[in-house]
Amino acid sequence: MPNLTLAESKYKNYQLGKYGRMRLNYLKNYKKAEYIILFMDNKLYEHLYNIDIECQKQFEFLMKQFVEKENITEELKANNQMEWVQK
């Protein structure tokens, strides 16, 4: 059995968010060859970091659009909490 270890990476200290963990789980369960290749090339954490950051940006962008479209404001939250929760 080879004794494989990961080289130091600047992404190793990054705490993966929801989307990075989801991608890791997907790779492990459904794309094992791609997971192993990324792991062996020491690009796994960089890949997960990029996925996590991009998904988070996309989520924030979509939420901002939704808030603007539905006219959801902090004023609505303060004045009419039930309508705010409904939206």
PDB file of N, CA and C in Angstrom:
ATOM      1  N   MET A   1       0.843  -1.175   0.000  1.00  0.00           N
ATOM      2  CA  MET A   1       0.000   0.000   0.000  1.00  0.00           C
ATOM      3  C   MET A   1       0.892   1.243   0.000  1.00  0.00           C
ATOM      4  N   PRO A   2       0.693   2.111  -0.955  1.00  0.00           N
ATOM      5  CA  PRO A   2       1.470   3.352  -0.933  1.00  0.00           C
ATOM      6  C   PRO A   2       0.992   4.282   0.173  1.00  0.00           C
ATOM      7  N   ASN A   3       1.905   5.028   0.702  1.00  0.00           N
ATOM      8  CA  ASN A   3       1.587   5.981   1.757  1.00  0.00           C
ATOM      9  C   ASN A   3       1.400   7.354   1.116  1.00  0.00           C
ATOM     10  N   LEU A   4       0.168   7.655   0.698  1.00  0.00           N
ATOM     11  CA  LEU A   4      -0.120   8.917   0.017  1.00  0.00           C
ATOM     12  C   LEU A   4      -0.452   9.998   1.023  1.00  0.00           C
ATOM     13  N   THR A   5       0.122  11.157   0.811  1.00  0.00           N
ATOM     14  CA  THR A   5      -0.195  12.313   1.646  1.00  0.00           C
ATOM     15  C   THR A   5      -0.414  13.511   0.731  1.00  0.00           C
ATOM     16  N   LEU A   6      -1.186  14.450   1.218  1.00  0.00           N
ATOM     17  CA  LEU A   6      -1.441  15.660   0.452  1.00  0.00           C
ATOM     18  C   LEU A   6      -0.327  16.663   0.665  1.00  0.00           C
ATOM     19  N   ALA A   7       0.079  17.298  -0.417  1.00  0.00           N
ATOM     20  CA  ALA A   7       1.050  18.382  -0.304  1.00  0.00           C
ATOM     21  C   ALA A   7       0.335  19.590   0.297  1.00  0.00           C
ATOM     22  N   GLU A   8       1.082  20.504   0.845  1.00  0.00           N
ATOM     23  CA  GLU A   8       0.486  21.703   1.427  1.00  0.00           C
ATOM     24  C   GLU A   8      -0.223  22.496   0.337  1.00  0.00           C
ATOM     25  N   SER A   9      -1.375  22.988   0.671  1.00  0.00           N
ATOM     26  CA  SER A   9      -2.177  23.755  -0.264  1.00  0.00           C
ATOM     27  C   SER A   9      -2.722  24.979   0.448  1.00  0.00           C
ATOM     28  N   LYS A  10      -2.830  26.088  -0.291  1.00  0.00           N
ATOM     29  CA  LYS A  10      -3.362  27.298   0.330  1.00  0.00           C
ATOM     30  C   LYS A  10      -4.853  27.175   0.597  1.00  0.00           C
ATOM     31  N   TYR A  11      -5.519  26.178   0.003  1.00  0.00           N
ATOM     32  CA  TYR A  11      -6.949  25.970   0.193  1.00  0.00           C
ATOM     33  C   TYR A  11      -7.253  24.998   1.328  1.00  0.00           C
ATOM     34  N   LYS A  12      -6.244  24.355   1.840  1.00  0.00           N
ATOM     35  CA  LYS A  12      -6.455  23.328   2.860  1.00  0.00           C
ATOM     36  C   LYS A  12      -7.072  23.904   4.139  1.00  0.00           C
ATOM     37  N   ASN A  13      -6.742  25.139   4.496  1.00  0.00           N
ATOM     38  CA  ASN A  13      -7.268  25.750   5.713  1.00  0.00           C
ATOM     39  C   ASN A  13      -8.649  26.356   5.512  1.00  0.00           C
ATOM     40  N   TYR A  14      -9.119  26.378   4.282  1.00  0.00           N
ATOM     41  CA  TYR A  14     -10.447  26.919   3.996  1.00  0.00           C
ATOM     42  C   TYR A  14     -11.512  25.938   4.476  1.00  0.00           C
ATOM     43  N   GLN A  15     -12.463  26.435   5.244  1.00  0.00           N
ATOM     44  CA  GLN A  15     -13.565  25.596   5.721  1.00  0.00           C
ATOM     45  C   GLN A  15     -14.607  25.519   4.617  1.00  0.00           C
ATOM     46  N   LEU A  16     -14.795  24.339   4.056  1.00  0.00           N
ATOM     47  CA  LEU A  16     -15.743  24.179   2.961  1.00  0.00           C
ATOM     48  C   LEU A  16     -17.156  24.516   3.411  1.00  0.00           C
ATOM     49  N   GLY A  17     -17.860  25.212   2.547  1.00  0.00           N
ATOM     50  CA  GLY A  17     -19.256  25.535   2.805  1.00  0.00           C
ATOM     51  C   GLY A  17     -20.159  24.419   2.288  1.00  0.00           C
ATOM     52  N   LYS A  18     -21.423  24.716   2.260  1.00  0.00           N
ATOM     53  CA  LYS A  18     -22.439  23.746   1.859  1.00  0.00           C
ATOM     54  C   LYS A  18     -22.173  23.193   0.462  1.00  0.00           C
ATOM     55  N   TYR A  19     -21.886  24.066  -0.482  1.00  0.00           N
ATOM     56  CA  TYR A  19     -21.754  23.637  -1.873  1.00  0.00           C
ATOM     57  C   TYR A  19     -20.462  22.876  -2.122  1.00  0.00           C
ATOM     58  N   GLY A  20     -19.402  23.240  -1.434  1.00  0.00           N
ATOM     59  CA  GLY A  20     -18.159  22.487  -1.544  1.00  0.00           C
ATOM     60  C   GLY A  20     -18.310  21.079  -0.996  1.00  0.00           C
ATOM     61  N   ARG A  21     -19.016  20.962   0.136  1.00  0.00           N
ATOM     62  CA  ARG A  21     -19.253  19.627   0.710  1.00  0.00           C
ATOM     63  C   ARG A  21     -20.168  18.796  -0.171  1.00  0.00           C
ATOM     64  N   MET A  22     -21.161  19.450  -0.776  1.00  0.00           N
ATOM     65  CA  MET A  22     -22.060  18.728  -1.687  1.00  0.00           C
ATOM     66  C   MET A  22     -21.288  18.197  -2.897  1.00  0.00           C
ATOM     67  N   ARG A  23     -20.380  19.022  -3.438  1.00  0.00           N
ATOM     68  CA  ARG A  23     -19.573  18.602  -4.586  1.00  0.00           C
ATOM     69  C   ARG A  23     -18.652  17.458  -4.197  1.00  0.00           C
ATOM     70  N   LEU A  24     -18.044  17.534  -3.031  1.00  0.00           N
ATOM     71  CA  LEU A  24     -17.173  16.465  -2.555  1.00  0.00           C
ATOM     72  C   LEU A  24     -17.947  15.158  -2.431  1.00  0.00           C
ATOM     73  N   ASN A  25     -19.121  15.227  -1.850  1.00  0.00           N
ATOM     74  CA  ASN A  25     -19.960  14.043  -1.708  1.00  0.00           C
ATOM     75  C   ASN A  25     -20.335  13.472  -3.074  1.00  0.00           C
ATOM     76  N   TYR A  26     -20.685  14.340  -4.020  1.00  0.00           N
ATOM     77  CA  TYR A  26     -21.038  13.900  -5.364  1.00  0.00           C
ATOM     78  C   TYR A  26     -19.853  13.209  -6.040  1.00  0.00           C
ATOM     79  N   LEU A  27     -18.680  13.825  -5.944  1.00  0.00           N
ATOM     80  CA  LEU A  27     -17.501  13.220  -6.559  1.00  0.00           C
ATOM     81  C   LEU A  27     -17.189  11.862  -5.952  1.00  0.00           C
ATOM     82  N   LYS A  28     -17.261  11.759  -4.648  1.00  0.00           N
ATOM     83  CA  LYS A  28     -16.954  10.491  -3.980  1.00  0.00           C
ATOM     84  C   LYS A  28     -17.942   9.391  -4.358  1.00  0.00           C
ATOM     85  N   ASN A  29     -19.216   9.737  -4.483  1.00  0.00           N
ATOM     86  CA  ASN A  29     -20.235   8.723  -4.710  1.00  0.00           C
ATOM     87  C   ASN A  29     -20.526   8.418  -6.178  1.00  0.00           C
ATOM     88  N   TYR A  30     -20.362   9.407  -7.065  1.00  0.00           N
ATOM     89  CA  TYR A  30     -20.794   9.200  -8.446  1.00  0.00           C
ATOM     90  C   TYR A  30     -19.702   9.399  -9.486  1.00  0.00           C
ATOM     91  N   LYS A  31     -18.630  10.073  -9.142  1.00  0.00           N
ATOM     92  CA  LYS A  31     -17.533  10.335 -10.076  1.00  0.00           C
ATOM     93  C   LYS A  31     -16.204   9.964  -9.418  1.00  0.00           C
ATOM     94  N   LYS A  32     -16.070   8.707  -9.067  1.00  0.00           N
ATOM     95  CA  LYS A  32     -14.899   8.266  -8.310  1.00  0.00           C
ATOM     96  C   LYS A  32     -13.592   8.480  -9.065  1.00  0.00           C
ATOM     97  N   ALA A  33     -13.621   8.258 -10.383  1.00  0.00           N
ATOM     98  CA  ALA A  33     -12.393   8.440 -11.170  1.00  0.00           C
ATOM     99  C   ALA A  33     -11.959   9.898 -11.152  1.00  0.00           C
ATOM    100  N   GLU A  34     -12.906  10.818 -11.342  1.00  0.00           N
ATOM    101  CA  GLU A  34     -12.580  12.244 -11.309  1.00  0.00           C
ATOM    102  C   GLU A  34     -12.090  12.654  -9.922  1.00  0.00           C
ATOM    103  N   TYR A  35     -12.714  12.118  -8.885  1.00  0.00           N
ATOM    104  CA  TYR A  35     -12.290  12.393  -7.505  1.00  0.00           C
ATOM    105  C   TYR A  35     -10.848  11.940  -7.286  1.00  0.00           C
ATOM    106  N   ILE A  36     -10.529  10.744  -7.713  1.00  0.00           N
ATOM    107  CA  ILE A  36      -9.183  10.205  -7.523  1.00  0.00           C
ATOM    108  C   ILE A  36      -8.157  11.004  -8.314  1.00  0.00           C
ATOM    109  N   ILE A  37      -8.515  11.387  -9.547  1.00  0.00           N
ATOM    110  CA  ILE A  37      -7.592  12.173 -10.368  1.00  0.00           C
ATOM    111  C   ILE A  37      -7.312  13.529  -9.706  1.00  0.00           C
ATOM    112  N   LEU A  38      -8.363  14.206  -9.262  1.00  0.00           N
ATOM    113  CA  LEU A  38      -8.176  15.494  -8.588  1.00  0.00           C
ATOM    114  C   LEU A  38      -7.355  15.329  -7.314  1.00  0.00           C
ATOM    115  N   PHE A  39      -7.619  14.266  -6.566  1.00  0.00           N
ATOM    116  CA  PHE A  39      -6.896  14.001  -5.328  1.00  0.00           C
ATOM    117  C   PHE A  39      -5.417  13.736  -5.615  1.00  0.00           C
ATOM    118  N   MET A  40      -5.147  12.896  -6.595  1.00  0.00           N
ATOM    119  CA  MET A  40      -3.761  12.530  -6.914  1.00  0.00           C
ATOM    120  C   MET A  40      -2.977  13.713  -7.486  1.00  0.00           C
ATOM    121  N   ASP A  41      -3.653  14.586  -8.226  1.00  0.00           N
ATOM    122  CA  ASP A  41      -2.985  15.765  -8.791  1.00  0.00           C
ATOM    123  C   ASP A  41      -2.915  16.918  -7.793  1.00  0.00           C
ATOM    124  N   ASN A  42      -3.414  16.688  -6.594  1.00  0.00           N
ATOM    125  CA  ASN A  42      -3.443  17.693  -5.525  1.00  0.00           C
ATOM    126  C   ASN A  42      -4.247  18.925  -5.933  1.00  0.00           C
ATOM    127  N   LYS A  43      -5.333  18.712  -6.666  1.00  0.00           N
ATOM    128  CA  LYS A  43      -6.192  19.797  -7.113  1.00  0.00           C
ATOM    129  C   LYS A  43      -7.596  19.693  -6.523  1.00  0.00           C
ATOM    130  N   LEU A  44      -7.809  18.745  -5.649  1.00  0.00           N
ATOM    131  CA  LEU A  44      -9.141  18.524  -5.099  1.00  0.00           C
ATOM    132  C   LEU A  44      -9.619  19.720  -4.287  1.00  0.00           C
ATOM    133  N   TYR A  45      -8.795  20.193  -3.352  1.00  0.00           N
ATOM    134  CA  TYR A  45      -9.217  21.304  -2.498  1.00  0.00           C
ATOM    135  C   TYR A  45      -9.403  22.588  -3.308  1.00  0.00           C
ATOM    136  N   GLU A  46      -8.556  22.804  -4.302  1.00  0.00           N
ATOM    137  CA  GLU A  46      -8.712  23.974  -5.161  1.00  0.00           C
ATOM    138  C   GLU A  46     -10.038  23.902  -5.922  1.00  0.00           C
ATOM    139  N   HIS A  47     -10.350  22.721  -6.437  1.00  0.00           N
ATOM    140  CA  HIS A  47     -11.609  22.508  -7.151  1.00  0.00           C
ATOM    141  C   HIS A  47     -12.808  22.746  -6.233  1.00  0.00           C
ATOM    142  N   LEU A  48     -12.770  22.177  -5.043  1.00  0.00           N
ATOM    143  CA  LEU A  48     -13.875  22.348  -4.097  1.00  0.00           C
ATOM    144  C   LEU A  48     -14.010  23.802  -3.656  1.00  0.00           C
ATOM    145  N   TYR A  49     -12.900  24.476  -3.460  1.00  0.00           N
ATOM    146  CA  TYR A  49     -12.899  25.887  -3.088  1.00  0.00           C
ATOM    147  C   TYR A  49     -13.574  26.715  -4.186  1.00  0.00           C
ATOM    148  N   ASN A  50     -13.164  26.484  -5.444  1.00  0.00           N
ATOM    149  CA  ASN A  50     -13.737  27.232  -6.559  1.00  0.00           C
ATOM    150  C   ASN A  50     -15.234  26.985  -6.700  1.00  0.00           C
ATOM    151  N   ILE A  51     -15.652  25.741  -6.567  1.00  0.00           N
ATOM    152  CA  ILE A  51     -17.078  25.411  -6.643  1.00  0.00           C
ATOM    153  C   ILE A  51     -17.833  26.118  -5.525  1.00  0.00           C
ATOM    154  N   ASP A  52     -17.309  26.061  -4.329  1.00  0.00           N
ATOM    155  CA  ASP A  52     -17.971  26.662  -3.174  1.00  0.00           C
ATOM    156  C   ASP A  52     -18.128  28.172  -3.350  1.00  0.00           C
ATOM    157  N   ILE A  53     -17.076  28.846  -3.779  1.00  0.00           N
ATOM    158  CA  ILE A  53     -17.108  30.298  -3.956  1.00  0.00           C
ATOM    159  C   ILE A  53     -18.070  30.681  -5.073  1.00  0.00           C
ATOM    160  N   GLU A  54     -18.010  29.999  -6.203  1.00  0.00           N
ATOM    161  CA  GLU A  54     -18.880  30.329  -7.334  1.00  0.00           C
ATOM    162  C   GLU A  54     -20.355  30.086  -7.010  1.00  0.00           C
ATOM    163  N   CYS A  55     -20.649  28.995  -6.350  1.00  0.00           N
ATOM    164  CA  CYS A  55     -22.035  28.708  -5.975  1.00  0.00           C
ATOM    165  C   CYS A  55     -22.554  29.728  -4.969  1.00  0.00           C
ATOM    166  N   GLN A  56     -21.713  30.120  -4.038  1.00  0.00           N
ATOM    167  CA  GLN A  56     -22.119  31.122  -3.055  1.00  0.00           C
ATOM    168  C   GLN A  56     -22.400  32.453  -3.730  1.00  0.00           C
ATOM    169  N   LYS A  57     -21.559  32.853  -4.694  1.00  0.00           N
ATOM    170  CA  LYS A  57     -21.787  34.092  -5.448  1.00  0.00           C
ATOM    171  C   LYS A  57     -23.101  34.014  -6.227  1.00  0.00           C
ATOM    172  N   GLN A  58     -23.340  32.887  -6.865  1.00  0.00           N
ATOM    173  CA  GLN A  58     -24.567  32.708  -7.642  1.00  0.00           C
ATOM    174  C   GLN A  58     -25.795  32.754  -6.740  1.00  0.00           C
ATOM    175  N   PHE A  59     -25.716  32.124  -5.577  1.00  0.00           N
ATOM    176  CA  PHE A  59     -26.819  32.134  -4.627  1.00  0.00           C
ATOM    177  C   PHE A  59     -27.121  33.567  -4.172  1.00  0.00           C
ATOM    178  N   GLU A  60     -26.081  34.314  -3.829  1.00  0.00           N
ATOM    179  CA  GLU A  60     -26.275  35.692  -3.390  1.00  0.00           C
ATOM    180  C   GLU A  60     -26.870  36.553  -4.498  1.00  0.00           C
ATOM    181  N   PHE A  61     -26.425  36.349  -5.728  1.00  0.00           N
ATOM    182  CA  PHE A  61     -26.955  37.084  -6.873  1.00  0.00           C
ATOM    183  C   PHE A  61     -28.443  36.776  -7.076  1.00  0.00           C
ATOM    184  N   LEU A  62     -28.798  35.504  -7.011  1.00  0.00           N
ATOM    185  CA  LEU A  62     -30.205  35.111  -7.198  1.00  0.00           C
ATOM    186  C   LEU A  62     -31.085  35.626  -6.068  1.00  0.00           C
ATOM    187  N   MET A  63     -30.574  35.590  -4.844  1.00  0.00           N
ATOM    188  CA  MET A  63     -31.348  36.107  -3.718  1.00  0.00           C
ATOM    189  C   MET A  63     -31.551  37.615  -3.841  1.00  0.00           C
ATOM    190  N   LYS A  64     -30.541  38.318  -4.304  1.00  0.00           N
ATOM    191  CA  LYS A  64     -30.670  39.768  -4.497  1.00  0.00           C
ATOM    192  C   LYS A  64     -31.737  40.069  -5.555  1.00  0.00           C
ATOM    193  N   GLN A  65     -31.728  39.302  -6.639  1.00  0.00           N
ATOM    194  CA  GLN A  65     -32.753  39.473  -7.677  1.00  0.00           C
ATOM    195  C   GLN A  65     -34.140  39.186  -7.131  1.00  0.00           C
ATOM    196  N   PHE A  66     -34.258  38.132  -6.361  1.00  0.00           N
ATOM    197  CA  PHE A  66     -35.544  37.748  -5.788  1.00  0.00           C
ATOM    198  C   PHE A  66     -36.067  38.825  -4.841  1.00  0.00           C
ATOM    199  N   VAL A  67     -35.188  39.351  -4.001  1.00  0.00           N
ATOM    200  CA  VAL A  67     -35.575  40.394  -3.048  1.00  0.00           C
ATOM    201  C   VAL A  67     -36.059  41.633  -3.790  1.00  0.00           C
ATOM    202  N   GLU A  68     -35.365  42.008  -4.846  1.00  0.00           N
ATOM    203  CA  GLU A  68     -35.777  43.174  -5.622  1.00  0.00           C
ATOM    204  C   GLU A  68     -37.101  42.924  -6.344  1.00  0.00           C
ATOM    205  N   LYS A  69     -37.264  41.745  -6.906  1.00  0.00           N
ATOM    206  CA  LYS A  69     -38.484  41.414  -7.647  1.00  0.00           C
ATOM    207  C   LYS A  69     -39.698  41.392  -6.722  1.00  0.00           C
ATOM    208  N   GLU A  70     -39.562  40.799  -5.557  1.00  0.00           N
ATOM    209  CA  GLU A  70     -40.675  40.660  -4.618  1.00  0.00           C
ATOM    210  C   GLU A  70     -40.826  41.857  -3.679  1.00  0.00           C
ATOM    211  N   ASN A  71     -39.917  42.829  -3.806  1.00  0.00           N
ATOM    212  CA  ASN A  71     -39.950  44.037  -2.982  1.00  0.00           C
ATOM    213  C   ASN A  71     -39.926  43.696  -1.480  1.00  0.00           C
ATOM    214  N   ILE A  72     -38.972  42.876  -1.108  1.00  0.00           N
ATOM    215  CA  ILE A  72     -38.796  42.478   0.285  1.00  0.00           C
ATOM    216  C   ILE A  72     -37.756  43.405   0.906  1.00  0.00           C
ATOM    217  N   THR A  73     -38.145  44.107   1.961  1.00  0.00           N
ATOM    218  CA  THR A  73     -37.248  45.061   2.608  1.00  0.00           C
ATOM    219  C   THR A  73     -37.245  44.843   4.115  1.00  0.00           C
ATOM    220  N   GLU A  74     -36.294  45.477   4.759  1.00  0.00           N
ATOM    221  CA  GLU A  74     -36.239  45.439   6.223  1.00  0.00           C
ATOM    222  C   GLU A  74     -37.427  46.199   6.807  1.00  0.00           C
ATOM    223  N   GLU A  75     -37.902  47.194   6.083  1.00  0.00           N
ATOM    224  CA  GLU A  75     -39.079  47.942   6.527  1.00  0.00           C
ATOM    225  C   GLU A  75     -40.312  47.035   6.548  1.00  0.00           C
ATOM    226  N   LEU A  76     -40.443  46.202   5.527  1.00  0.00           N
ATOM    227  CA  LEU A  76     -41.543  45.230   5.489  1.00  0.00           C
ATOM    228  C   LEU A  76     -41.432  44.265   6.662  1.00  0.00           C
ATOM    229  N   LYS A  77     -40.219  43.844   6.942  1.00  0.00           N
ATOM    230  CA  LYS A  77     -39.989  42.920   8.062  1.00  0.00           C
ATOM    231  C   LYS A  77     -40.408  43.561   9.390  1.00  0.00           C
ATOM    232  N   ALA A  78     -40.092  44.836   9.546  1.00  0.00           N
ATOM    233  CA  ALA A  78     -40.414  45.520  10.798  1.00  0.00           C
ATOM    234  C   ALA A  78     -41.907  45.801  10.931  1.00  0.00           C
ATOM    235  N   ASN A  79     -42.559  46.138   9.819  1.00  0.00           N
ATOM    236  CA  ASN A  79     -43.973  46.544   9.857  1.00  0.00           C
ATOM    237  C   ASN A  79     -44.968  45.400   9.725  1.00  0.00           C
ATOM    238  N   ASN A  80     -44.630  44.400   8.916  1.00  0.00           N
ATOM    239  CA  ASN A  80     -45.587  43.322   8.655  1.00  0.00           C
ATOM    240  C   ASN A  80     -44.819  41.997   8.551  1.00  0.00           C
ATOM    241  N   GLN A  81     -44.536  41.406   9.686  1.00  0.00           N
ATOM    242  CA  GLN A  81     -43.708  40.199   9.711  1.00  0.00           C
ATOM    243  C   GLN A  81     -44.375  39.015   9.023  1.00  0.00           C
ATOM    244  N   MET A  82     -45.661  38.892   9.119  1.00  0.00           N
ATOM    245  CA  MET A  82     -46.341  37.760   8.494  1.00  0.00           C
ATOM    246  C   MET A  82     -46.226  37.807   6.976  1.00  0.00           C
ATOM    247  N   GLU A  83     -46.373  38.986   6.396  1.00  0.00           N
ATOM    248  CA  GLU A  83     -46.208  39.119   4.933  1.00  0.00           C
ATOM    249  C   GLU A  83     -44.779  38.870   4.535  1.00  0.00           C
ATOM    250  N   TRP A  84     -43.824  39.352   5.355  1.00  0.00           N
ATOM    251  CA  TRP A  84     -42.399  39.134   5.094  1.00  0.00           C
ATOM    252  C   TRP A  84     -42.085  37.636   5.097  1.00  0.00           C
ATOM    253  N   VAL A  85     -42.618  36.910   6.087  1.00  0.00           N
ATOM    254  CA  VAL A  85     -42.396  35.463   6.166  1.00  0.00           C
ATOM    255  C   VAL A  85     -43.056  34.759   4.986  1.00  0.00           C
ATOM    256  N   GLN A  86     -44.219  35.212   4.599  1.00  0.00           N
ATOM    257  CA  GLN A  86     -44.940  34.600   3.484  1.00  0.00           C
ATOM    258  C   GLN A  86     -44.157  34.702   2.177  1.00  0.00           C
ATOM    259  N   LYS A  87     -43.549  35.859   1.969  1.00  0.00           N
ATOM    260  CA  LYS A  87     -42.771  36.045   0.734  1.00  0.00           C
ATOM    261  C   LYS A  87     -41.485  35.251   0.804  1.00  0.00           C
TER     262      LYS A  87
END
